[in-house]
Amino acid sequence: MPAPYFFGYGSLVNTRTHDYRQARPARLRGWRRAWVHTDLRPVAFLSAVPCEHSVIDGLIAEVPGADWAALDEREFAYDRLPAQGAVDHDLPTQTDIAVYAVPAHSQQAASHRHPILLSYLDVVIQGYHQVFGREGVADFVTTTDGWDAPILNDRPAPQYPRHQALSPQETALVDRILADVNATVVENVVDSVIDAAPTADAGAGAGTTHPGSAA
């Protein structure tokens, strides 16, 4: 039985954030991305949301021995759903592929109290640029909903635990996107619960709130 794969559409596209092997581009049919907040996390992240006529680019990678424990922990606020019939890929054989998505009943809109972390968005855009180039980054923006969400500028002190250093060109690219979508970038969060949350996700359980990660 071949090892299963996951389909990543956010931070998992950036291979600097994980060591899963056999990573390769793929496309997921019938889904879009959206910025959402859930009570299990203090900030907003990307989630896949069903959309019949939409297609999104992402990355698939192998989960050795079908040992999903570490990835389930990383994506603890998400459901792991079967997606093999909806993923276009270049694997020589068919195998099980899963995608992580926040349950619809748990999705809430991002807000000034629960914003997007810029350090997380930086990681996502860096990954898409490295794998798909500028055209892929543009497609990421157009196939993602919720750009009216506030974005917390935490670059001076990144709160996303898998934050990465960006080149000046990558930083400029993200800043250009923020301008193009007329993003609301805030420098602090009133009444935020972020500061009280741990910044590392090792050992966190399903009832713990922290910045964590997202697919």
Protein backbone atom coordinates (compact mmCIF):
# COMPACT_ATOMS: atom_id res chain seq x y z
CA MET A 1 0.00 0.00 0.00
CA PRO A 2 1.57 3.34 -1.02
CA ALA A 3 2.07 5.92 1.69
CA PRO A 4 -0.68 8.56 1.82
CA TYR A 5 -0.13 12.21 0.98
CA PHE A 6 -1.49 15.50 2.24
CA PHE A 7 -2.52 18.46 0.10
CA GLY A 8 -1.22 21.74 1.51
CA TYR A 9 -2.58 25.10 0.37
CA GLY A 10 -1.07 27.55 2.91
CA SER A 11 2.04 27.32 5.06
CA LEU A 12 2.56 23.67 4.05
CA VAL A 13 3.43 24.87 0.55
CA ASN A 14 6.55 26.39 2.11
CA THR A 15 8.83 23.38 2.56
CA ARG A 16 10.99 25.32 5.00
CA THR A 17 8.20 24.73 7.54
CA HIS A 18 8.28 20.91 7.41
CA ASP A 19 10.41 17.94 6.36
CA TYR A 20 7.85 15.80 4.54
CA ARG A 21 9.37 14.24 1.44
CA GLN A 22 8.21 13.75 -2.14
CA ALA A 23 6.75 17.26 -2.14
CA ARG A 24 5.41 18.29 -5.53
CA PRO A 25 2.90 20.74 -7.00
CA ALA A 26 -0.71 19.62 -7.33
CA ARG A 27 -4.16 21.10 -7.86
CA LEU A 28 -7.29 20.67 -5.76
CA ARG A 29 -10.64 20.88 -7.55
CA GLY A 30 -13.86 22.01 -5.86
CA TRP A 31 -12.26 24.14 -3.13
CA ARG A 32 -11.12 27.71 -2.45
CA ARG A 33 -9.21 29.20 0.45
CA ALA A 34 -10.59 31.63 3.02
CA TRP A 35 -9.22 33.52 5.99
CA VAL A 36 -11.13 32.26 9.02
CA HIS A 37 -10.93 32.32 12.77
CA THR A 38 -11.83 29.48 15.12
CA ASP A 39 -12.16 29.50 18.90
CA LEU A 40 -9.30 26.99 19.11
CA ARG A 41 -6.81 29.59 17.81
CA PRO A 42 -6.33 33.22 18.81
CA VAL A 43 -5.64 34.43 15.26
CA ALA A 44 -7.04 33.86 11.78
CA PHE A 45 -5.57 31.32 9.36
CA LEU A 46 -6.31 29.88 5.96
CA SER A 47 -8.87 27.14 5.54
CA ALA A 48 -10.02 25.26 2.48
CA VAL A 49 -13.71 25.86 1.82
CA PRO A 50 -15.87 23.95 -0.69
CA CYS A 51 -16.49 25.78 -3.97
CA GLU A 52 -17.75 23.66 -6.83
CA HIS A 53 -16.12 25.44 -9.76
CA SER A 54 -12.89 26.57 -8.09
CA VAL A 55 -9.40 25.07 -8.43
CA ILE A 56 -6.46 25.93 -6.18
CA ASP A 57 -2.76 25.22 -6.50
CA GLY A 58 -0.89 23.63 -3.63
CA LEU A 59 1.66 21.02 -2.68
CA ILE A 60 1.29 17.34 -1.92
CA ALA A 61 3.82 15.47 0.19
CA GLU A 62 4.16 11.95 1.54
CA VAL A 63 3.16 10.96 5.07
CA PRO A 64 5.51 8.03 5.79
CA GLY A 65 3.87 4.97 7.30
CA ALA A 66 0.52 6.79 7.36
CA ASP A 67 1.70 8.33 10.63
CA TRP A 68 -0.56 11.36 10.73
CA ALA A 69 0.03 12.19 14.40
CA ALA A 70 2.53 15.03 13.94
CA LEU A 71 0.58 16.62 11.10
CA ASP A 72 -2.74 16.28 12.93
CA GLU A 73 -1.07 18.04 15.87
CA ARG A 74 0.16 20.85 13.64
CA GLU A 75 -3.31 21.25 12.13
CA PHE A 76 -5.19 20.58 15.36
CA ALA A 77 -8.09 22.98 14.71
CA TYR A 78 -8.81 21.32 11.35
CA ASP A 79 -10.58 18.19 10.17
CA ARG A 80 -8.54 15.86 7.94
CA LEU A 81 -10.71 15.00 4.93
CA PRO A 82 -10.23 12.55 2.05
CA ALA A 83 -9.47 14.40 -1.18
CA GLN A 84 -7.79 11.95 -3.54
CA GLY A 85 -10.56 12.12 -6.12
CA ALA A 86 -10.26 15.91 -6.31
CA VAL A 87 -6.47 16.26 -6.56
CA ASP A 88 -4.61 16.44 -9.87
CA HIS A 89 -0.99 15.32 -9.49
CA ASP A 90 1.88 13.58 -11.27
CA LEU A 91 2.32 10.61 -8.93
CA PRO A 92 2.88 7.38 -10.88
CA THR A 93 0.26 5.52 -8.84
CA GLN A 94 -2.96 6.48 -7.11
CA THR A 95 -2.80 6.90 -3.35
CA ASP A 96 -4.84 8.35 -0.53
CA ILE A 97 -4.60 12.14 -0.27
CA ALA A 98 -6.07 14.23 2.54
CA VAL A 99 -6.76 17.93 2.92
CA TYR A 100 -7.22 19.82 6.18
CA ALA A 101 -10.16 22.20 6.59
CA VAL A 102 -11.73 24.02 9.51
CA PRO A 103 -15.26 22.64 10.02
CA ALA A 104 -17.88 25.01 8.65
CA HIS A 105 -19.64 25.26 12.01
CA SER A 106 -16.37 26.43 13.63
CA GLN A 107 -15.49 29.11 11.09
CA GLN A 108 -15.75 32.71 12.17
CA ALA A 109 -14.69 35.91 10.46
CA ALA A 110 -11.31 37.41 11.29
CA SER A 111 -11.47 40.57 13.36
CA HIS A 112 -9.29 43.18 15.02
CA ARG A 113 -9.16 40.92 18.06
CA HIS A 114 -8.40 37.86 15.93
CA PRO A 115 -6.35 39.12 12.97
CA ILE A 116 -4.13 37.45 10.38
CA LEU A 117 -0.47 37.39 11.41
CA LEU A 118 1.74 39.04 8.82
CA SER A 119 4.51 36.60 9.76
CA TYR A 120 2.18 33.76 8.69
CA LEU A 121 1.20 35.46 5.44
CA ASP A 122 4.90 36.05 4.72
CA VAL A 123 5.55 32.30 5.01
CA VAL A 124 2.64 31.43 2.73
CA ILE A 125 3.59 33.91 0.01
CA GLN A 126 7.23 32.89 0.20
CA GLY A 127 6.23 29.27 -0.39
CA TYR A 128 3.93 30.05 -3.31
CA HIS A 129 6.54 32.28 -4.92
CA GLN A 130 9.22 29.61 -4.63
CA VAL A 131 7.00 26.87 -6.07
CA PHE A 132 4.71 28.69 -8.51
CA GLY A 133 6.40 32.02 -9.20
CA ARG A 134 4.70 35.42 -9.41
CA GLU A 135 1.83 34.05 -11.50
CA GLY A 136 1.13 31.46 -8.83
CA VAL A 137 1.18 34.14 -6.13
CA ALA A 138 -1.35 36.18 -8.11
CA ASP A 139 -3.56 33.10 -8.46
CA PHE A 140 -3.27 32.46 -4.71
CA VAL A 141 -4.63 35.94 -4.03
CA THR A 142 -7.57 35.62 -6.44
CA THR A 143 -8.56 32.16 -5.13
CA THR A 144 -8.52 33.25 -1.48
CA ASP A 145 -11.44 35.02 0.21
CA GLY A 146 -11.42 37.34 3.21
CA TRP A 147 -8.77 39.93 2.34
CA ASP A 148 -10.81 42.51 4.26
CA ALA A 149 -9.55 40.88 7.46
CA PRO A 150 -7.17 42.94 9.62
CA ILE A 151 -3.51 41.90 9.34
CA LEU A 152 -1.29 42.33 12.39
CA ASN A 153 2.21 43.55 11.53
CA ASP A 154 4.21 41.26 13.79
CA ARG A 155 7.36 41.28 11.63
CA PRO A 156 9.42 43.03 14.33
CA ALA A 157 8.56 40.18 16.74
CA PRO A 158 7.04 37.30 14.75
CA GLN A 159 4.36 35.34 16.58
CA TYR A 160 3.97 32.59 14.00
CA PRO A 161 6.17 29.75 15.31
CA ARG A 162 7.39 28.71 11.85
CA HIS A 163 8.16 32.23 10.66
CA GLN A 164 10.88 32.56 8.03
CA ALA A 165 13.34 35.25 7.00
CA LEU A 166 12.28 36.90 3.73
CA SER A 167 14.56 38.42 1.17
CA PRO A 168 14.04 42.12 0.38
CA GLN A 169 12.39 41.05 -2.88
CA GLU A 170 10.00 38.68 -1.08
CA THR A 171 9.13 41.35 1.48
CA ALA A 172 8.41 43.81 -1.31
CA LEU A 173 6.20 41.21 -3.02
CA VAL A 174 4.09 40.70 0.11
CA ASP A 175 3.84 44.43 0.67
CA ARG A 176 2.70 44.87 -2.94
CA ILE A 177 -0.04 42.29 -2.41
CA LEU A 178 -1.21 44.08 0.73
CA ALA A 179 -1.46 47.31 -1.24
CA ASP A 180 -3.26 45.65 -4.15
CA VAL A 181 -5.95 44.13 -1.92
CA ASN A 182 -6.26 47.34 0.14
CA ALA A 183 -5.41 45.37 3.25
CA THR A 184 -5.92 46.84 6.71
CA VAL A 185 -2.55 46.44 8.44
CA VAL A 186 -2.58 47.14 12.17
CA GLU A 187 0.36 47.61 14.49
CA ASN A 188 -1.31 46.34 17.66
CA VAL A 189 -4.42 44.45 18.67
CA VAL A 190 -6.82 45.91 21.21
CA ASP A 191 -8.02 43.35 23.77
CA SER A 192 -5.98 40.67 21.99
CA VAL A 193 -5.64 37.19 23.44
CA ILE A 194 -2.50 36.60 21.37
CA ASP A 195 -0.01 37.83 23.94
CA ALA A 196 -1.31 35.36 26.51
CA ALA A 197 -0.92 32.40 24.17
CA PRO A 198 2.27 30.35 23.83
CA THR A 199 4.19 30.84 20.61
CA ALA A 200 5.36 27.25 20.21
CA ASP A 201 2.97 24.47 19.31
CA ALA A 202 4.92 21.46 20.57
CA GLY A 203 2.74 19.33 22.82
CA ALA A 204 -0.38 21.44 22.38
CA GLY A 205 -3.66 19.59 22.46
CA ALA A 206 -7.01 20.19 20.82
CA GLY A 207 -8.11 22.41 23.67
CA THR A 208 -5.09 24.73 23.58
CA THR A 209 -5.13 28.12 21.91
CA HIS A 210 -1.94 29.31 20.26
CA PRO A 211 -0.83 30.72 16.91
CA GLY A 212 0.08 27.22 15.73
CA SER A 213 0.08 26.49 12.02
CA ALA A 214 -2.31 26.00 9.19
CA ALA A 215 -2.45 24.06 5.99
